[in-house]
Protein backbone atom coordinates (compact mmCIF):
# COMPACT_ATOMS: atom_id res chain seq x y z
CA UNK A 1 13.59 -66.63 -59.52
CA UNK A 2 10.34 -65.38 -61.21
CA UNK A 3 8.62 -66.02 -57.87
CA UNK A 4 11.13 -63.86 -56.04
CA UNK A 5 10.70 -61.03 -58.54
CA UNK A 6 6.91 -60.98 -58.34
CA UNK A 7 7.29 -61.24 -54.50
CA UNK A 8 9.40 -58.05 -54.37
CA UNK A 9 6.85 -56.16 -56.61
CA UNK A 10 3.94 -57.50 -54.53
CA UNK A 11 5.69 -56.39 -51.26
CA UNK A 12 6.04 -52.87 -52.68
CA UNK A 13 2.42 -52.83 -53.66
CA UNK A 14 1.33 -53.86 -50.20
CA UNK A 15 3.59 -51.25 -48.67
CA UNK A 16 2.00 -48.60 -50.96
CA UNK A 17 -1.53 -49.68 -50.05
CA UNK A 18 -0.65 -49.59 -46.30
CA UNK A 19 0.95 -46.22 -46.65
CA UNK A 20 -2.17 -44.74 -48.39
CA UNK A 21 -4.48 -46.43 -45.89
CA UNK A 22 -2.63 -44.96 -43.07
CA UNK A 23 -3.01 -41.45 -44.53
CA UNK A 24 -6.70 -42.09 -45.16
CA UNK A 25 -7.09 -43.13 -41.49
CA UNK A 26 -5.43 -39.84 -40.37
CA UNK A 27 -7.70 -37.84 -42.49
CA UNK A 28 -10.71 -39.61 -41.12
CA UNK A 29 -9.50 -39.26 -37.65
CA UNK A 30 -8.98 -35.50 -38.18
CA UNK A 31 -12.50 -35.18 -39.55
CA UNK A 32 -14.12 -37.04 -36.75
CA UNK A 33 -12.17 -35.08 -34.13
CA UNK A 34 -13.38 -31.79 -35.81
CA UNK A 35 -16.98 -33.01 -35.79
CA UNK A 36 -16.78 -33.73 -32.09
CA UNK A 37 -14.97 -30.67 -30.99
CA UNK A 38 -15.33 -28.28 -33.91
CA UNK A 39 -18.39 -26.46 -32.54
CA UNK A 40 -16.50 -25.36 -29.37
CA UNK A 41 -15.23 -21.81 -29.35
CA UNK A 42 -11.58 -21.98 -28.24
CA UNK A 43 -10.60 -20.10 -25.06
CA UNK A 44 -9.71 -16.41 -25.96
CA UNK A 45 -11.69 -16.48 -29.18
CA UNK A 46 -14.84 -15.44 -27.57
CA UNK A 47 -16.36 -12.39 -29.42
CA UNK A 48 -14.30 -13.04 -32.52
CA UNK A 49 -15.47 -16.65 -33.53
CA UNK A 50 -19.07 -17.61 -33.14
CA UNK A 51 -20.81 -20.99 -33.55
CA UNK A 52 -22.18 -20.03 -36.98
CA UNK A 53 -18.69 -19.41 -38.24
CA UNK A 54 -17.46 -22.68 -36.78
CA UNK A 55 -20.28 -24.60 -38.42
CA UNK A 56 -19.34 -23.07 -41.66
CA UNK A 57 -15.70 -24.12 -41.16
CA UNK A 58 -16.77 -27.65 -40.29
CA UNK A 59 -18.79 -27.86 -43.48
CA UNK A 60 -15.88 -26.49 -45.54
CA UNK A 61 -13.55 -28.98 -43.96
CA UNK A 62 -16.10 -31.71 -44.56
CA UNK A 63 -16.34 -31.01 -48.28
CA UNK A 64 -12.53 -30.80 -48.61
CA UNK A 65 -12.11 -34.08 -46.78
CA UNK A 66 -14.61 -35.96 -48.86
CA UNK A 67 -13.22 -34.44 -52.03
CA UNK A 68 -9.77 -35.30 -50.94
CA UNK A 69 -10.72 -38.86 -50.42
CA UNK A 70 -12.09 -39.22 -53.90
CA UNK A 71 -9.27 -37.34 -55.55
CA UNK A 72 -6.70 -39.39 -53.76
CA UNK A 73 -8.38 -42.67 -54.37
CA UNK A 74 -8.51 -41.91 -58.03
CA UNK A 75 -4.88 -41.01 -58.14
CA UNK A 76 -3.95 -44.15 -56.36
CA UNK A 77 -5.96 -46.32 -58.79
CA UNK A 78 -4.40 -44.65 -61.68
CA UNK A 79 -0.83 -45.06 -60.12
CA UNK A 80 -1.38 -48.84 -59.53
CA UNK A 81 -2.83 -49.47 -62.92
CA UNK A 82 0.04 -47.57 -64.53
CA UNK A 83 2.77 -49.39 -62.68
CA UNK A 84 1.11 -52.85 -62.25
CA UNK A 85 -1.44 -52.98 -64.95
CA UNK A 86 0.99 -52.97 -67.87
CA UNK A 87 0.41 -49.28 -68.94
CA UNK A 88 4.01 -48.23 -68.06
CA UNK A 89 5.33 -51.21 -69.95
CA UNK A 90 3.22 -50.45 -72.99
CA UNK A 91 3.98 -46.69 -72.99
CA UNK A 92 7.72 -47.35 -72.47
CA UNK A 93 7.66 -49.94 -75.38
CA UNK A 94 6.02 -47.37 -77.61
CA UNK A 95 8.61 -44.71 -76.82
CA UNK A 96 11.30 -47.37 -77.61
CA UNK A 97 9.60 -48.23 -80.99
CA UNK A 98 10.05 -44.54 -82.08
CA UNK A 99 13.75 -45.21 -82.14
CA UNK A 100 14.64 -41.68 -81.25
CA UNK A 101 18.01 -40.55 -79.78
CA UNK A 102 18.33 -40.77 -75.90
CA UNK A 103 17.75 -37.03 -75.09
CA UNK A 104 14.73 -36.38 -77.41
CA UNK A 105 13.23 -39.77 -76.30
CA UNK A 106 13.64 -38.82 -72.58
CA UNK A 107 12.08 -35.40 -73.12
CA UNK A 108 9.12 -36.77 -74.97
CA UNK A 109 8.63 -39.54 -72.34
CA UNK A 110 8.21 -37.10 -69.47
CA UNK A 111 6.45 -34.36 -71.46
CA UNK A 112 3.67 -36.72 -72.49
CA UNK A 113 3.39 -38.03 -68.91
CA UNK A 114 3.08 -34.46 -67.67
CA UNK A 115 0.34 -33.66 -70.20
CA UNK A 116 -1.54 -36.82 -69.26
CA UNK A 117 -1.38 -36.04 -65.68
CA UNK A 118 -2.73 -32.48 -66.28
CA UNK A 119 -5.59 -33.94 -68.22
CA UNK A 120 -6.52 -36.49 -65.59
CA UNK A 121 -6.31 -34.13 -62.71
CA UNK A 122 -8.03 -31.08 -64.45
CA UNK A 123 -11.59 -32.21 -63.67
CA UNK A 124 -10.74 -32.42 -60.00
CA UNK A 125 -9.22 -28.92 -60.00
CA UNK A 126 -12.40 -27.64 -61.86
CA UNK A 127 -14.63 -29.22 -59.19
CA UNK A 128 -12.54 -27.78 -56.39
CA UNK A 129 -12.57 -24.33 -57.81
CA UNK A 130 -16.06 -24.04 -59.17
CA UNK A 131 -17.99 -26.23 -56.72
CA UNK A 132 -16.42 -26.25 -53.32
CA UNK A 133 -14.66 -22.83 -53.34
CA UNK A 134 -17.69 -21.29 -54.98
CA UNK A 135 -20.00 -22.75 -52.37
CA UNK A 136 -18.09 -21.11 -49.52
CA UNK A 137 -17.64 -17.75 -51.18
CA UNK A 138 -13.97 -18.09 -51.89
CA UNK A 139 -13.70 -18.46 -55.65
CA UNK A 140 -13.78 -15.37 -57.90
CA UNK A 141 -12.20 -16.90 -61.01
CA UNK A 142 -14.21 -17.29 -64.22
CA UNK A 143 -13.96 -20.37 -66.44
CA UNK A 144 -12.22 -18.28 -69.02
CA UNK A 145 -9.56 -17.24 -66.53
CA UNK A 146 -9.21 -20.84 -65.44
CA UNK A 147 -8.59 -22.02 -68.99
CA UNK A 148 -6.05 -19.26 -69.46
CA UNK A 149 -4.21 -20.28 -66.33
CA UNK A 150 -4.31 -23.92 -67.37
CA UNK A 151 -2.82 -23.26 -70.76
CA UNK A 152 -0.04 -20.98 -69.45
CA UNK A 153 0.87 -23.37 -66.62
CA UNK A 154 1.04 -26.24 -69.16
CA UNK A 155 3.20 -24.31 -71.54
CA UNK A 156 5.46 -23.13 -68.70
CA UNK A 157 5.64 -26.63 -67.30
CA UNK A 158 6.47 -27.96 -70.78
CA UNK A 159 9.42 -25.52 -71.18
CA UNK A 160 10.76 -26.26 -67.73
CA UNK A 161 10.50 -30.01 -68.10
CA UNK A 162 12.13 -29.99 -71.54
CA UNK A 163 15.04 -27.81 -70.34
CA UNK A 164 15.65 -29.88 -67.09
CA UNK A 165 15.33 -33.12 -68.96
CA UNK A 166 17.63 -32.05 -71.85
CA UNK A 167 20.38 -30.92 -69.40
CA UNK A 168 19.96 -33.96 -67.22
CA UNK A 169 20.01 -36.51 -69.86
CA UNK A 170 22.89 -34.76 -71.55
CA UNK A 171 24.92 -35.10 -68.29
CA UNK A 172 24.06 -38.80 -68.11
CA UNK A 173 25.51 -39.27 -71.61
CA UNK A 174 28.77 -37.35 -71.00
CA UNK A 175 29.43 -38.58 -67.47
CA UNK A 176 27.95 -42.12 -67.13
CA UNK A 177 29.80 -42.91 -63.87
CA UNK A 178 29.25 -39.56 -62.04
CA UNK A 179 26.03 -38.26 -63.55
CA UNK A 180 24.18 -38.51 -60.29
CA UNK A 181 26.55 -35.85 -58.72
CA UNK A 182 26.53 -33.43 -61.77
CA UNK A 183 22.68 -33.65 -62.01
CA UNK A 184 22.35 -32.95 -58.41
CA UNK A 185 24.61 -29.81 -58.76
CA UNK A 186 22.55 -28.70 -61.72
CA UNK A 187 19.38 -29.13 -59.81
CA UNK A 188 20.68 -27.01 -56.91
CA UNK A 189 21.75 -24.32 -59.43
CA UNK A 190 18.44 -24.51 -61.12
CA UNK A 191 16.34 -24.20 -57.84
CA UNK A 192 18.40 -21.11 -56.86
CA UNK A 193 17.91 -19.55 -60.39
CA UNK A 194 14.09 -20.22 -60.17
CA UNK A 195 14.02 -18.59 -56.78
CA UNK A 196 15.58 -15.51 -58.29
CA UNK A 197 13.73 -15.16 -61.50
CA UNK A 198 10.24 -16.40 -60.53
CA UNK A 199 9.10 -13.05 -58.93
CA UNK A 200 10.21 -11.20 -62.08
CA UNK A 201 9.38 -13.63 -64.84
CA UNK A 202 7.00 -16.29 -63.81
CA UNK A 203 4.60 -14.67 -61.30
CA UNK A 204 3.72 -11.71 -63.56
CA UNK A 205 2.42 -14.24 -66.06
CA UNK A 206 -0.46 -14.94 -63.80
CA UNK A 207 -0.93 -11.87 -61.63
CA UNK A 208 -0.53 -8.06 -61.82
CA UNK A 209 1.68 -6.43 -59.24
CA UNK A 210 1.26 -2.77 -58.51
CA UNK A 211 3.15 -0.60 -55.91
CA UNK A 212 1.15 -0.01 -52.85
CA UNK A 213 -0.37 3.43 -52.65
CA UNK A 214 -0.45 3.74 -48.87
CA UNK A 215 2.91 5.38 -48.31
CA UNK A 216 2.50 5.64 -44.54
CA UNK A 217 2.21 1.72 -44.57
CA UNK A 218 5.22 1.43 -46.86
CA UNK A 219 7.35 3.68 -44.68
CA UNK A 220 6.39 1.70 -41.61
CA UNK A 221 7.16 -1.56 -43.30
CA UNK A 222 10.71 -0.24 -44.32
CA UNK A 223 11.40 1.06 -40.83
CA UNK A 224 10.22 -2.15 -39.28
CA UNK A 225 12.13 -4.53 -41.51
CA UNK A 226 15.24 -2.32 -41.33
CA UNK A 227 15.53 -3.41 -37.68
CA UNK A 228 16.76 -6.86 -38.89
CA UNK A 229 18.81 -5.66 -41.75
CA UNK A 230 16.22 -6.17 -44.61
CA UNK A 231 16.25 -3.59 -47.38
CA UNK A 232 12.88 -3.26 -48.98
CA UNK A 233 13.05 -2.27 -52.58
CA UNK A 234 9.43 -2.06 -53.34
CA UNK A 235 6.25 -3.17 -51.72
CA UNK A 236 3.64 -4.54 -54.10
CA UNK A 237 -0.04 -5.33 -54.05
CA UNK A 238 -1.11 -8.58 -56.01
CA UNK A 239 -4.49 -8.87 -57.51
CA UNK A 240 -5.27 -12.07 -55.77
CA UNK A 241 -8.97 -11.23 -55.64
CA UNK A 242 -9.49 -11.95 -59.34
CA UNK A 243 -9.08 -15.72 -58.45
CA UNK A 244 -9.86 -16.12 -54.72
CA UNK A 245 -10.84 -14.31 -51.51
CA UNK A 246 -8.20 -16.18 -49.53
CA UNK A 247 -5.67 -13.88 -47.91
CA UNK A 248 -1.88 -14.01 -47.74
CA UNK A 249 1.44 -12.11 -48.06
CA UNK A 250 4.97 -13.24 -48.92
CA UNK A 251 8.59 -12.18 -49.33
CA UNK A 252 10.58 -13.02 -52.43
CA UNK A 253 14.14 -12.45 -53.49
CA UNK A 254 17.58 -13.60 -52.53
CA UNK A 255 19.98 -11.88 -50.26
CA UNK A 256 19.21 -8.74 -48.19
CA UNK A 257 17.11 -7.02 -50.75
CA UNK A 258 13.62 -8.24 -50.56
CA UNK A 259 10.46 -7.81 -52.60
CA UNK A 260 7.44 -7.86 -50.50
CA UNK A 261 3.96 -8.82 -51.97
CA UNK A 262 0.65 -8.37 -50.18
CA UNK A 263 -2.53 -9.81 -51.45
CA UNK A 264 -5.18 -7.22 -52.13
CA UNK A 265 -7.50 -9.30 -50.03
CA UNK A 266 -5.15 -9.05 -47.10
CA UNK A 267 -4.93 -5.28 -47.39
CA UNK A 268 -8.73 -5.20 -47.22
CA UNK A 269 -9.09 -7.42 -44.29
CA UNK A 270 -6.35 -6.29 -41.89
CA UNK A 271 -5.31 -2.92 -40.29
CA UNK A 272 -1.78 -1.55 -40.65
CA UNK A 273 -0.55 -3.01 -37.27
CA UNK A 274 -1.77 -6.44 -38.23
CA UNK A 275 -0.16 -6.28 -41.63
CA UNK A 276 3.05 -5.23 -40.03
CA UNK A 277 2.82 -8.19 -37.64
CA UNK A 278 2.45 -10.56 -40.59
CA UNK A 279 5.42 -9.19 -42.26
CA UNK A 280 7.52 -9.24 -39.07
CA UNK A 281 6.77 -12.94 -38.89
CA UNK A 282 8.14 -13.33 -42.46
CA UNK A 283 11.14 -11.23 -41.44
CA UNK A 284 11.59 -13.58 -38.51
CA UNK A 285 12.10 -16.42 -41.03
CA UNK A 286 14.78 -14.42 -42.81
CA UNK A 287 16.46 -13.38 -39.46
CA UNK A 288 16.73 -16.99 -38.34
CA UNK A 289 17.84 -18.04 -41.85
CA UNK A 290 14.93 -20.64 -42.03
CA UNK A 291 14.69 -20.56 -45.80
CA UNK A 292 18.40 -21.20 -46.16
CA UNK A 293 18.28 -24.02 -43.55
CA UNK A 294 15.38 -25.73 -45.27
CA UNK A 295 16.99 -25.38 -48.66
CA UNK A 296 20.31 -26.92 -47.32
CA UNK A 297 18.49 -29.68 -45.61
CA UNK A 298 16.37 -30.50 -48.76
CA UNK A 299 19.52 -30.50 -50.93
CA UNK A 300 21.25 -32.77 -48.56
CA UNK A 301 18.43 -35.29 -48.66
CA UNK A 302 18.26 -35.00 -52.43
CA UNK A 303 22.09 -35.68 -52.55
CA UNK A 304 21.57 -39.08 -50.97
CA UNK A 305 18.51 -39.73 -52.97
CA UNK A 306 20.37 -39.16 -56.22
CA UNK A 307 23.18 -41.44 -55.17
CA UNK A 308 20.75 -44.17 -54.11
CA UNK A 309 18.93 -43.79 -57.43
CA UNK A 310 22.14 -43.99 -59.36
CA UNK A 311 23.04 -47.25 -57.51
CA UNK A 312 19.70 -48.86 -58.18
CA UNK A 313 19.80 -47.77 -61.92
CA UNK A 314 23.12 -49.62 -62.17
CA UNK A 315 21.16 -52.95 -61.73
CA UNK A 316 18.41 -54.58 -63.57
CA UNK A 317 16.27 -55.23 -60.48
CA UNK A 318 13.53 -52.65 -61.33
CA UNK A 319 12.76 -54.09 -64.81
CA UNK A 320 12.71 -57.61 -63.37
CA UNK A 321 10.49 -56.79 -60.39
CA UNK A 322 7.87 -54.89 -62.38
CA UNK A 323 8.24 -56.96 -65.64
CA UNK A 324 9.17 -54.06 -67.95
CA UNK A 325 10.29 -55.46 -71.28
CA UNK A 326 12.63 -52.66 -72.26
CA UNK A 327 14.56 -51.39 -69.25
CA UNK A 328 14.93 -47.85 -70.41
CA UNK A 329 16.51 -45.21 -68.16
CA UNK A 330 13.21 -43.23 -68.20
CA UNK A 331 11.06 -46.20 -67.05
CA UNK A 332 13.39 -46.89 -64.31
CA UNK A 333 13.22 -43.30 -63.15
CA UNK A 334 9.44 -43.59 -62.90
CA UNK A 335 9.81 -46.77 -60.87
CA UNK A 336 12.31 -45.17 -58.49
CA UNK A 337 9.93 -42.27 -57.99
CA UNK A 338 7.18 -44.76 -57.11
CA UNK A 339 9.39 -46.51 -54.62
CA UNK A 340 10.60 -43.13 -53.19
CA UNK A 341 7.01 -42.09 -52.42
CA UNK A 342 6.77 -45.12 -50.24
CA UNK A 343 9.99 -45.05 -48.32
CA UNK A 344 9.85 -41.30 -47.82
CA UNK A 345 6.70 -41.39 -45.71
CA UNK A 346 8.62 -40.77 -42.38
CA UNK A 347 10.20 -37.63 -43.83
CA UNK A 348 6.84 -35.90 -43.92
CA UNK A 349 6.34 -35.62 -40.18
CA UNK A 350 9.99 -34.88 -39.53
CA UNK A 351 10.07 -31.98 -42.08
CA UNK A 352 6.79 -30.62 -40.74
CA UNK A 353 8.04 -30.83 -37.19
CA UNK A 354 11.03 -28.70 -38.23
CA UNK A 355 8.75 -26.32 -40.05
CA UNK A 356 6.52 -25.84 -36.97
CA UNK A 357 9.74 -25.21 -34.88
CA UNK A 358 10.65 -22.50 -37.33
CA UNK A 359 7.17 -21.02 -37.30
CA UNK A 360 7.37 -20.60 -33.51
CA UNK A 361 10.81 -18.96 -33.75
CA UNK A 362 9.49 -16.50 -36.45
CA UNK A 363 6.59 -15.63 -34.13
CA UNK A 364 9.00 -14.89 -31.29
CA UNK A 365 11.08 -12.61 -33.64
CA UNK A 366 7.83 -10.88 -34.84
CA UNK A 367 6.77 -10.14 -31.28
CA UNK A 368 10.22 -8.85 -30.46
CA UNK A 369 10.20 -6.56 -33.53
CA UNK A 370 6.76 -5.08 -33.05
CA UNK A 371 6.44 -5.34 -29.30
CA UNK A 372 2.79 -5.91 -29.96
CA UNK A 373 1.27 -9.34 -29.31
CA UNK A 374 -2.17 -8.11 -29.92
CA UNK A 375 -1.63 -7.26 -33.46
CA UNK A 376 -0.08 -10.70 -34.17
CA UNK A 377 -2.92 -12.43 -32.43
CA UNK A 378 -5.51 -10.37 -34.29
CA UNK A 379 -3.91 -11.11 -37.66
CA UNK A 380 -3.95 -14.91 -36.91
CA UNK A 381 -7.58 -14.71 -35.91
CA UNK A 382 -8.55 -12.87 -39.09
CA UNK A 383 -6.51 -15.24 -41.21
CA UNK A 384 -8.46 -18.11 -39.44
CA UNK A 385 -11.79 -16.48 -40.08
CA UNK A 386 -11.11 -15.37 -43.60
CA UNK A 387 -9.94 -18.83 -44.64
CA UNK A 388 -12.35 -20.93 -42.52
CA UNK A 389 -9.39 -22.73 -40.76
CA UNK A 390 -9.93 -25.86 -38.75
CA UNK A 391 -9.51 -24.72 -35.09
CA UNK A 392 -9.62 -28.25 -33.73
CA UNK A 393 -7.32 -30.59 -35.81
CA UNK A 394 -6.64 -33.98 -34.52
CA UNK A 395 -3.29 -33.90 -32.61
CA UNK A 396 -1.80 -36.77 -34.57
CA UNK A 397 -3.01 -35.43 -37.90
CA UNK A 398 -1.50 -32.03 -37.02
CA UNK A 399 1.70 -33.57 -36.02
CA UNK A 400 2.03 -35.49 -39.19
CA UNK A 401 0.80 -32.92 -41.80
CA UNK A 402 0.69 -29.36 -40.41
CA UNK A 403 3.63 -27.24 -41.33
CA UNK A 404 2.41 -24.53 -39.02
CA UNK A 405 1.17 -25.06 -35.37
CA UNK A 406 -2.56 -25.01 -35.19
CA UNK A 407 -3.72 -21.51 -34.80
CA UNK A 408 -5.13 -22.08 -31.19
CA UNK A 409 -1.69 -23.50 -30.10
CA UNK A 410 0.11 -20.73 -31.94
CA UNK A 411 -1.75 -18.00 -30.17
CA UNK A 412 -1.31 -19.71 -26.82
CA UNK A 413 2.40 -19.65 -27.60
CA UNK A 414 2.36 -15.93 -28.49
CA UNK A 415 0.58 -14.98 -25.33
CA UNK A 416 3.37 -16.37 -23.28
CA UNK A 417 6.04 -14.38 -25.05
CA UNK A 418 7.46 -11.18 -23.66
CA UNK A 419 6.20 -8.10 -25.29
CA UNK A 420 3.55 -5.37 -25.03
CA UNK A 421 -0.14 -6.05 -25.44
CA UNK A 422 -2.72 -7.68 -23.21
CA UNK A 423 -4.28 -11.04 -23.34
CA UNK A 424 -7.42 -10.27 -25.26
CA UNK A 425 -7.66 -10.54 -29.00
CA UNK A 426 -7.14 -7.02 -30.57
């Protein structure tokens, strides 16, 4: 019997290592592909992208890839030691020794794990921010700002974890036979609640949002988005430049009334037509109900995941497989999360395939709304230049990891759409 238990744990370890090795191979193949093809200016990009910029993009991707290998390897070693090296068992036994009630013990269990994870990963975030992003001219954050953000995020995370854990564990105590369903319902409600309050409560803790002063742009945005039934309450500029020179824009809000946020870096980089094209793309997601579809799909998957987790927790197999002396509910949750990370690997390419499909649909809506392919193409080219995007990803890597079509393929798709504008980059 002991041999069978160890055999199951060993099998899961082998599967975990194989999964990580597969992902490492994909990253390596992507980097090799970029080195071989990355210096070639794609068709249609002549005059906008030069070899010097491509070399800089290759160097940026190289540094990110190497760093990603090291950070991921560190994380994998820590995970294996935690699960298989007796750390989880010792930590879990210590929590049990405190002899606290179920709910406070569960909150403490996950809060301490969250803090430990933050401490272990913070050196990597520091290196990424002040070494890699600095070297390529993206970082504008100061060490003081980084520390402030770190403290705020940890306090916010602690509050959310404590609230979610308290509610979840309370449901487990009052409904031991159907807690999985009621916890799932509470998670759905909490997710919707966070989508609603985040723009008004959480985001302002980290950034300053001011109304855009360009009233002509605001007027054109309202007229454009009114075509698809979106009422724009206010258009804001976010001071993204105090942390990074990367560019972006996004919608927030639930229902037909939307809050639009433009990075100040985006406003500086693009002209009005290109900004409108970017927002039209976001409006395309709303028009096609992509956010709602993704949310429903995610909650459907989580529904079955909660039920599967409930069924596993009804048994003693996890404690036996991983030799955990005290089979607490909390330790079992950690082990289920570990196993879930292995078996969910096929979900990654499937979800990204769906995301890429939605991105192409949103591009079609954007071109239909603006009637200007040139503006959309120009915006994508500027986003690629400003963010040093990899223009030559490995096809398999892109199929597995990319939530958006590669920018070259995306522009090719836009050129084929009906609408005004020529075939040259505007």
